[in-house]
Amino acid sequence: MSKPETRKLETKLKMKLQEPVATNLLRRVMIACATAILVIASCAKPALSETKDGTSDRKIVTRIEPEYPETLKRLYIGGLVRMEVVVDPNGKVETVTLLGGNPVLGQSAMRAVKQWKYAPSDAKEKFVVQLAFDSHR
């Protein structure tokens, strides 16, 4: 083998050996960035209108039960639906955002929660509401 061919092979071999090192370094940097973002996000303070633990002391004056979609009930599909609810000082539900759960059950739950009325309060509040759909009832 000639010297130029040997050098080309050596260069290719060095490049091959350096690829895993570069990939490993990139992976470590990405993990460090993700960890930093999670730490910063967990230290963030909630908005003023949001309650500390996501629950509210406000009493529900009018509660409409969600409609259980017949198809899901027949197929024994149930579960827990989590929603973020914003209630104005007069007790009217302003917005409902689906946080988790089956999307079809979530739509039914959101329709019902939008009709709820809470006791009046001094300020607008944001909290999490959970509704369970039991397919065996």
N, C-alpha and C. Protein backbone atom coordinates (compact mmCIF):
# COMPACT_ATOMS: atom_id res chain seq x y z
N MET A 1 0.85 -1.17 0.00
CA MET A 1 0.00 0.00 0.00
C MET A 1 0.90 1.24 0.00
N SER A 2 0.53 2.23 -0.79
CA SER A 2 1.36 3.42 -0.88
C SER A 2 1.08 4.34 0.30
N LYS A 3 1.99 5.31 0.49
CA LYS A 3 1.86 6.23 1.61
C LYS A 3 0.58 7.08 1.54
N PRO A 4 0.21 7.62 0.38
CA PRO A 4 -1.03 8.40 0.32
C PRO A 4 -2.26 7.56 0.69
N GLU A 5 -2.29 6.30 0.23
CA GLU A 5 -3.42 5.43 0.57
C GLU A 5 -3.45 5.14 2.06
N THR A 6 -2.27 4.94 2.65
CA THR A 6 -2.18 4.68 4.08
C THR A 6 -2.67 5.88 4.87
N ARG A 7 -2.28 7.07 4.45
CA ARG A 7 -2.72 8.29 5.12
C ARG A 7 -4.24 8.46 5.03
N LYS A 8 -4.80 8.17 3.84
CA LYS A 8 -6.25 8.26 3.69
C LYS A 8 -6.96 7.30 4.64
N LEU A 9 -6.44 6.08 4.72
CA LEU A 9 -7.04 5.09 5.62
C LEU A 9 -6.92 5.52 7.08
N GLU A 10 -5.74 6.06 7.44
CA GLU A 10 -5.54 6.53 8.81
C GLU A 10 -6.51 7.68 9.12
N THR A 11 -6.68 8.60 8.18
CA THR A 11 -7.60 9.72 8.37
C THR A 11 -9.03 9.22 8.55
N LYS A 12 -9.44 8.28 7.69
CA LYS A 12 -10.79 7.72 7.81
C LYS A 12 -10.98 7.02 9.15
N LEU A 13 -9.98 6.28 9.58
CA LEU A 13 -10.06 5.57 10.85
C LEU A 13 -10.16 6.55 12.01
N LYS A 14 -9.39 7.62 11.98
CA LYS A 14 -9.45 8.64 13.03
C LYS A 14 -10.84 9.27 13.07
N MET A 15 -11.39 9.56 11.88
CA MET A 15 -12.72 10.17 11.82
C MET A 15 -13.76 9.23 12.41
N LYS A 16 -13.65 7.93 12.09
CA LYS A 16 -14.59 6.94 12.61
C LYS A 16 -14.49 6.85 14.13
N LEU A 17 -13.28 6.93 14.64
CA LEU A 17 -13.07 6.83 16.08
C LEU A 17 -13.58 8.08 16.80
N GLN A 18 -13.56 9.24 16.13
CA GLN A 18 -13.99 10.49 16.75
C GLN A 18 -15.50 10.66 16.72
N GLU A 19 -16.22 10.00 15.81
CA GLU A 19 -17.68 10.13 15.72
C GLU A 19 -18.39 9.78 17.03
N PRO A 20 -18.11 8.61 17.65
CA PRO A 20 -18.80 8.30 18.91
C PRO A 20 -18.49 9.32 20.00
N VAL A 21 -17.28 9.85 20.02
CA VAL A 21 -16.91 10.84 21.03
C VAL A 21 -17.75 12.10 20.83
N ALA A 22 -17.90 12.55 19.58
CA ALA A 22 -18.68 13.74 19.28
C ALA A 22 -20.16 13.50 19.62
N THR A 23 -20.67 12.33 19.27
CA THR A 23 -22.06 12.00 19.56
C THR A 23 -22.28 11.95 21.06
N ASN A 24 -21.37 11.34 21.78
CA ASN A 24 -21.45 11.26 23.24
C ASN A 24 -21.42 12.65 23.86
N LEU A 25 -20.56 13.51 23.38
CA LEU A 25 -20.45 14.87 23.89
C LEU A 25 -21.74 15.63 23.63
N LEU A 26 -22.28 15.50 22.42
CA LEU A 26 -23.54 16.16 22.09
C LEU A 26 -24.66 15.67 22.99
N ARG A 27 -24.72 14.37 23.24
CA ARG A 27 -25.74 13.81 24.10
C ARG A 27 -25.62 14.37 25.52
N ARG A 28 -24.41 14.48 26.02
CA ARG A 28 -24.19 15.02 27.38
C ARG A 28 -24.61 16.49 27.46
N VAL A 29 -24.30 17.25 26.43
CA VAL A 29 -24.68 18.67 26.42
C VAL A 29 -26.20 18.80 26.39
N MET A 30 -26.87 17.97 25.60
CA MET A 30 -28.33 18.02 25.52
C MET A 30 -28.96 17.63 26.86
N ILE A 31 -28.42 16.64 27.53
CA ILE A 31 -28.94 16.23 28.84
C ILE A 31 -28.73 17.34 29.86
N ALA A 32 -27.58 17.98 29.82
CA ALA A 32 -27.30 19.08 30.75
C ALA A 32 -28.26 20.24 30.52
N CYS A 33 -28.53 20.57 29.25
CA CYS A 33 -29.47 21.66 28.94
C CYS A 33 -30.88 21.31 29.40
N ALA A 34 -31.31 20.08 29.15
CA ALA A 34 -32.65 19.66 29.56
C ALA A 34 -32.79 19.70 31.08
N THR A 35 -31.77 19.27 31.78
CA THR A 35 -31.79 19.31 33.24
C THR A 35 -31.87 20.74 33.75
N ALA A 36 -31.10 21.62 33.14
CA ALA A 36 -31.14 23.03 33.54
C ALA A 36 -32.51 23.64 33.31
N ILE A 37 -33.14 23.31 32.20
CA ILE A 37 -34.48 23.84 31.91
C ILE A 37 -35.48 23.32 32.93
N LEU A 38 -35.41 22.04 33.28
CA LEU A 38 -36.33 21.47 34.27
C LEU A 38 -36.14 22.12 35.64
N VAL A 39 -34.90 22.36 36.03
CA VAL A 39 -34.64 22.98 37.33
C VAL A 39 -35.19 24.41 37.35
N ILE A 40 -34.97 25.15 36.28
CA ILE A 40 -35.48 26.52 36.21
C ILE A 40 -37.00 26.53 36.22
N ALA A 41 -37.61 25.63 35.46
CA ALA A 41 -39.08 25.58 35.41
C ALA A 41 -39.68 25.19 36.75
N SER A 42 -39.03 24.30 37.48
CA SER A 42 -39.58 23.88 38.77
C SER A 42 -39.43 24.96 39.83
N CYS A 43 -38.51 25.88 39.64
CA CYS A 43 -38.31 26.97 40.60
C CYS A 43 -39.22 28.16 40.32
N ALA A 44 -39.86 28.18 39.16
CA ALA A 44 -40.71 29.31 38.80
C ALA A 44 -41.90 29.40 39.75
N LYS A 45 -42.24 30.62 40.13
CA LYS A 45 -43.37 30.83 41.03
C LYS A 45 -44.66 30.85 40.23
N PRO A 46 -45.75 30.34 40.79
CA PRO A 46 -47.02 30.37 40.08
C PRO A 46 -47.54 31.80 39.94
N ALA A 47 -48.42 32.01 38.98
CA ALA A 47 -49.03 33.32 38.79
C ALA A 47 -49.83 33.70 40.03
N LEU A 48 -50.05 34.99 40.22
CA LEU A 48 -50.74 35.46 41.42
C LEU A 48 -52.14 34.88 41.55
N SER A 49 -52.82 34.71 40.43
CA SER A 49 -54.19 34.22 40.50
C SER A 49 -54.26 32.71 40.71
N GLU A 50 -53.13 32.03 40.59
CA GLU A 50 -53.11 30.58 40.72
C GLU A 50 -52.92 30.19 42.18
N THR A 51 -53.69 29.21 42.63
CA THR A 51 -53.53 28.77 44.01
C THR A 51 -52.27 27.93 44.13
N LYS A 52 -51.74 27.85 45.34
CA LYS A 52 -50.45 27.23 45.57
C LYS A 52 -50.40 25.76 45.14
N ASP A 53 -51.37 24.96 45.57
CA ASP A 53 -51.32 23.54 45.29
C ASP A 53 -52.26 23.11 44.16
N GLY A 54 -52.85 24.07 43.46
CA GLY A 54 -53.70 23.74 42.34
C GLY A 54 -55.14 23.45 42.73
N THR A 55 -55.47 23.54 44.01
CA THR A 55 -56.84 23.32 44.45
C THR A 55 -57.41 24.65 44.93
N SER A 56 -58.71 24.70 45.08
CA SER A 56 -59.34 25.95 45.48
C SER A 56 -60.25 25.71 46.67
N ASP A 57 -60.37 26.75 47.52
CA ASP A 57 -61.29 26.70 48.65
C ASP A 57 -62.68 27.18 48.23
N ARG A 58 -62.80 27.67 47.03
CA ARG A 58 -64.10 28.18 46.56
C ARG A 58 -65.08 27.03 46.42
N LYS A 59 -66.27 27.26 46.92
CA LYS A 59 -67.33 26.26 46.87
C LYS A 59 -68.02 26.31 45.51
N ILE A 60 -68.41 25.13 45.03
CA ILE A 60 -69.18 25.05 43.80
C ILE A 60 -70.64 25.25 44.16
N VAL A 61 -71.25 26.26 43.56
CA VAL A 61 -72.66 26.57 43.82
C VAL A 61 -73.54 25.74 42.89
N THR A 62 -73.17 25.66 41.61
CA THR A 62 -73.91 24.88 40.63
C THR A 62 -72.93 23.94 39.93
N ARG A 63 -73.20 22.63 40.02
CA ARG A 63 -72.33 21.64 39.40
C ARG A 63 -73.14 20.80 38.42
N ILE A 64 -72.76 20.84 37.16
CA ILE A 64 -73.39 20.04 36.11
C ILE A 64 -72.51 18.81 35.90
N GLU A 65 -73.11 17.63 35.97
CA GLU A 65 -72.35 16.39 35.75
C GLU A 65 -72.08 16.21 34.25
N PRO A 66 -70.88 15.74 33.92
CA PRO A 66 -70.56 15.53 32.50
C PRO A 66 -71.33 14.34 31.93
N GLU A 67 -71.63 14.43 30.65
CA GLU A 67 -72.30 13.34 29.96
C GLU A 67 -71.26 12.29 29.58
N TYR A 68 -71.54 11.03 29.93
CA TYR A 68 -70.61 9.94 29.60
C TYR A 68 -70.96 9.46 28.20
N PRO A 69 -70.08 9.63 27.21
CA PRO A 69 -70.39 9.19 25.85
C PRO A 69 -70.76 7.70 25.84
N GLU A 70 -71.90 7.40 25.25
CA GLU A 70 -72.45 6.04 25.27
C GLU A 70 -71.50 5.01 24.66
N THR A 71 -70.84 5.39 23.57
CA THR A 71 -69.92 4.45 22.92
C THR A 71 -68.78 4.06 23.85
N LEU A 72 -68.20 5.04 24.53
CA LEU A 72 -67.09 4.75 25.44
C LEU A 72 -67.57 3.93 26.64
N LYS A 73 -68.76 4.22 27.11
CA LYS A 73 -69.31 3.48 28.24
C LYS A 73 -69.54 2.02 27.85
N ARG A 74 -70.06 1.81 26.66
CA ARG A 74 -70.33 0.46 26.17
C ARG A 74 -69.03 -0.33 26.00
N LEU A 75 -67.95 0.36 25.61
CA LEU A 75 -66.65 -0.30 25.40
C LEU A 75 -65.81 -0.34 26.68
N TYR A 76 -66.41 0.08 27.81
CA TYR A 76 -65.73 0.11 29.12
C TYR A 76 -64.46 0.96 29.08
N ILE A 77 -64.56 2.09 28.39
CA ILE A 77 -63.43 3.03 28.35
C ILE A 77 -63.74 4.15 29.34
N GLY A 78 -62.90 4.29 30.33
CA GLY A 78 -63.09 5.32 31.35
C GLY A 78 -61.75 5.94 31.69
N GLY A 79 -61.71 6.62 32.80
CA GLY A 79 -60.44 7.19 33.23
C GLY A 79 -60.62 8.53 33.91
N LEU A 80 -59.50 9.12 34.21
CA LEU A 80 -59.45 10.40 34.90
C LEU A 80 -59.15 11.50 33.89
N VAL A 81 -59.88 12.61 34.02
CA VAL A 81 -59.66 13.77 33.15
C VAL A 81 -59.21 14.92 34.04
N ARG A 82 -58.09 15.56 33.66
CA ARG A 82 -57.57 16.72 34.41
C ARG A 82 -57.72 17.96 33.56
N MET A 83 -58.23 19.04 34.20
CA MET A 83 -58.45 20.30 33.50
C MET A 83 -57.97 21.46 34.35
N GLU A 84 -57.47 22.50 33.68
CA GLU A 84 -57.14 23.75 34.36
C GLU A 84 -58.33 24.68 34.17
N VAL A 85 -58.84 25.20 35.28
CA VAL A 85 -60.04 26.03 35.26
C VAL A 85 -59.69 27.43 35.76
N VAL A 86 -60.14 28.45 35.03
CA VAL A 86 -59.98 29.84 35.45
C VAL A 86 -61.38 30.37 35.79
N VAL A 87 -61.53 30.84 37.04
CA VAL A 87 -62.82 31.33 37.52
C VAL A 87 -62.69 32.81 37.85
N ASP A 88 -63.63 33.62 37.35
CA ASP A 88 -63.58 35.06 37.62
C ASP A 88 -64.08 35.36 39.03
N PRO A 89 -63.90 36.58 39.53
CA PRO A 89 -64.31 36.91 40.90
C PRO A 89 -65.80 36.69 41.18
N ASN A 90 -66.65 36.76 40.14
CA ASN A 90 -68.09 36.55 40.32
C ASN A 90 -68.47 35.08 40.42
N GLY A 91 -67.53 34.17 40.13
CA GLY A 91 -67.80 32.74 40.22
C GLY A 91 -68.08 32.07 38.90
N LYS A 92 -67.99 32.83 37.81
CA LYS A 92 -68.23 32.27 36.48
C LYS A 92 -66.93 31.66 35.94
N VAL A 93 -67.05 30.47 35.35
CA VAL A 93 -65.89 29.81 34.74
C VAL A 93 -65.56 30.54 33.44
N GLU A 94 -64.34 31.08 33.38
CA GLU A 94 -63.91 31.80 32.17
C GLU A 94 -63.35 30.85 31.12
N THR A 95 -62.36 30.03 31.54
CA THR A 95 -61.74 29.11 30.58
C THR A 95 -61.51 27.76 31.24
N VAL A 96 -61.53 26.73 30.39
CA VAL A 96 -61.21 25.37 30.81
C VAL A 96 -60.23 24.82 29.79
N THR A 97 -59.09 24.31 30.27
CA THR A 97 -58.07 23.75 29.39
C THR A 97 -57.83 22.30 29.79
N LEU A 98 -57.87 21.41 28.82
CA LEU A 98 -57.64 19.99 29.07
C LEU A 98 -56.15 19.75 29.32
N LEU A 99 -55.82 19.15 30.46
CA LEU A 99 -54.42 18.86 30.80
C LEU A 99 -54.07 17.40 30.56
N GLY A 100 -55.05 16.51 30.74
CA GLY A 100 -54.75 15.10 30.56
C GLY A 100 -56.00 14.25 30.60
N GLY A 101 -55.88 13.06 30.03
CA GLY A 101 -56.99 12.14 30.00
C GLY A 101 -57.44 11.87 28.58
N ASN A 102 -58.43 11.01 28.44
CA ASN A 102 -58.99 10.67 27.14
C ASN A 102 -59.60 11.93 26.51
N PRO A 103 -59.26 12.24 25.26
CA PRO A 103 -59.75 13.47 24.63
C PRO A 103 -61.27 13.53 24.50
N VAL A 104 -61.92 12.40 24.24
CA VAL A 104 -63.38 12.41 24.10
C VAL A 104 -64.02 12.67 25.45
N LEU A 105 -63.54 11.98 26.49
CA LEU A 105 -64.04 12.23 27.84
C LEU A 105 -63.71 13.66 28.26
N GLY A 106 -62.55 14.15 27.85
CA GLY A 106 -62.14 15.51 28.18
C GLY A 106 -63.08 16.55 27.60
N GLN A 107 -63.52 16.35 26.37
CA GLN A 107 -64.46 17.30 25.76
C GLN A 107 -65.78 17.32 26.51
N SER A 108 -66.24 16.15 26.91
CA SER A 108 -67.49 16.07 27.67
C SER A 108 -67.34 16.75 29.03
N ALA A 109 -66.21 16.50 29.69
CA ALA A 109 -65.96 17.11 31.00
C ALA A 109 -65.83 18.62 30.88
N MET A 110 -65.16 19.09 29.85
CA MET A 110 -64.98 20.54 29.67
C MET A 110 -66.32 21.23 29.43
N ARG A 111 -67.21 20.61 28.65
CA ARG A 111 -68.54 21.18 28.41
C ARG A 111 -69.29 21.34 29.73
N ALA A 112 -69.19 20.34 30.61
CA ALA A 112 -69.90 20.39 31.89
C ALA A 112 -69.28 21.44 32.82
N VAL A 113 -67.94 21.45 32.93
CA VAL A 113 -67.27 22.37 33.85
C VAL A 113 -67.49 23.83 33.45
N LYS A 114 -67.62 24.11 32.16
CA LYS A 114 -67.88 25.48 31.70
C LYS A 114 -69.21 26.00 32.23
N GLN A 115 -70.10 25.10 32.62
CA GLN A 115 -71.42 25.50 33.12
C GLN A 115 -71.44 25.63 34.65
N TRP A 116 -70.36 25.25 35.32
CA TRP A 116 -70.31 25.31 36.77
C TRP A 116 -70.32 26.77 37.23
N LYS A 117 -70.85 27.00 38.41
CA LYS A 117 -70.82 28.32 39.05
C LYS A 117 -70.17 28.15 40.42
N TYR A 118 -69.25 29.05 40.74
CA TYR A 118 -68.56 29.03 42.03
C TYR A 118 -69.03 30.18 42.90
N ALA A 119 -68.74 30.09 44.18
CA ALA A 119 -69.05 31.17 45.11
C ALA A 119 -68.18 32.38 44.74
N PRO A 120 -68.68 33.59 44.92
CA PRO A 120 -67.88 34.79 44.62
C PRO A 120 -66.61 34.86 45.47
N SER A 121 -65.61 35.55 44.95
CA SER A 121 -64.32 35.69 45.63
C SER A 121 -63.76 37.08 45.32
N ASP A 122 -62.62 37.40 45.96
CA ASP A 122 -61.99 38.70 45.76
C ASP A 122 -61.23 38.80 44.44
N ALA A 123 -60.73 37.65 43.94
CA ALA A 123 -59.87 37.69 42.76
C ALA A 123 -60.17 36.52 41.83
N LYS A 124 -59.65 36.65 40.63
CA LYS A 124 -59.73 35.57 39.66
C LYS A 124 -58.82 34.44 40.15
N GLU A 125 -59.23 33.19 39.98
CA GLU A 125 -58.42 32.06 40.43
C GLU A 125 -58.23 31.06 39.30
N LYS A 126 -57.09 30.37 39.36
CA LYS A 126 -56.78 29.31 38.41
C LYS A 126 -56.42 28.07 39.22
N PHE A 127 -57.06 26.94 38.92
CA PHE A 127 -56.76 25.71 39.64
C PHE A 127 -57.06 24.50 38.77
N VAL A 128 -56.70 23.32 39.26
CA VAL A 128 -56.86 22.08 38.52
C VAL A 128 -58.07 21.32 39.06
N VAL A 129 -58.91 20.84 38.15
CA VAL A 129 -60.07 20.02 38.50
C VAL A 129 -59.88 18.65 37.87
N GLN A 130 -60.19 17.60 38.64
CA GLN A 130 -60.12 16.24 38.13
C GLN A 130 -61.50 15.60 38.18
N LEU A 131 -61.89 14.95 37.10
CA LEU A 131 -63.15 14.22 37.06
C LEU A 131 -62.87 12.79 36.63
N ALA A 132 -63.48 11.84 37.33
CA ALA A 132 -63.31 10.42 37.01
C ALA A 132 -64.52 9.91 36.26
N PHE A 133 -64.27 9.16 35.21
CA PHE A 133 -65.31 8.48 34.46
C PHE A 133 -65.14 6.98 34.72
N ASP A 134 -66.11 6.39 35.43
CA ASP A 134 -66.05 4.97 35.77
C ASP A 134 -66.95 4.20 34.81
N SER A 135 -66.36 3.39 33.96
CA SER A 135 -67.13 2.67 32.94
C SER A 135 -67.92 1.50 33.51
N HIS A 136 -67.68 1.14 34.76
CA HIS A 136 -68.36 -0.01 35.37
C HIS A 136 -69.55 0.40 36.22
N ARG A 137 -69.94 1.66 36.20
CA ARG A 137 -71.11 2.09 36.97
C ARG A 137 -72.33 2.06 36.10
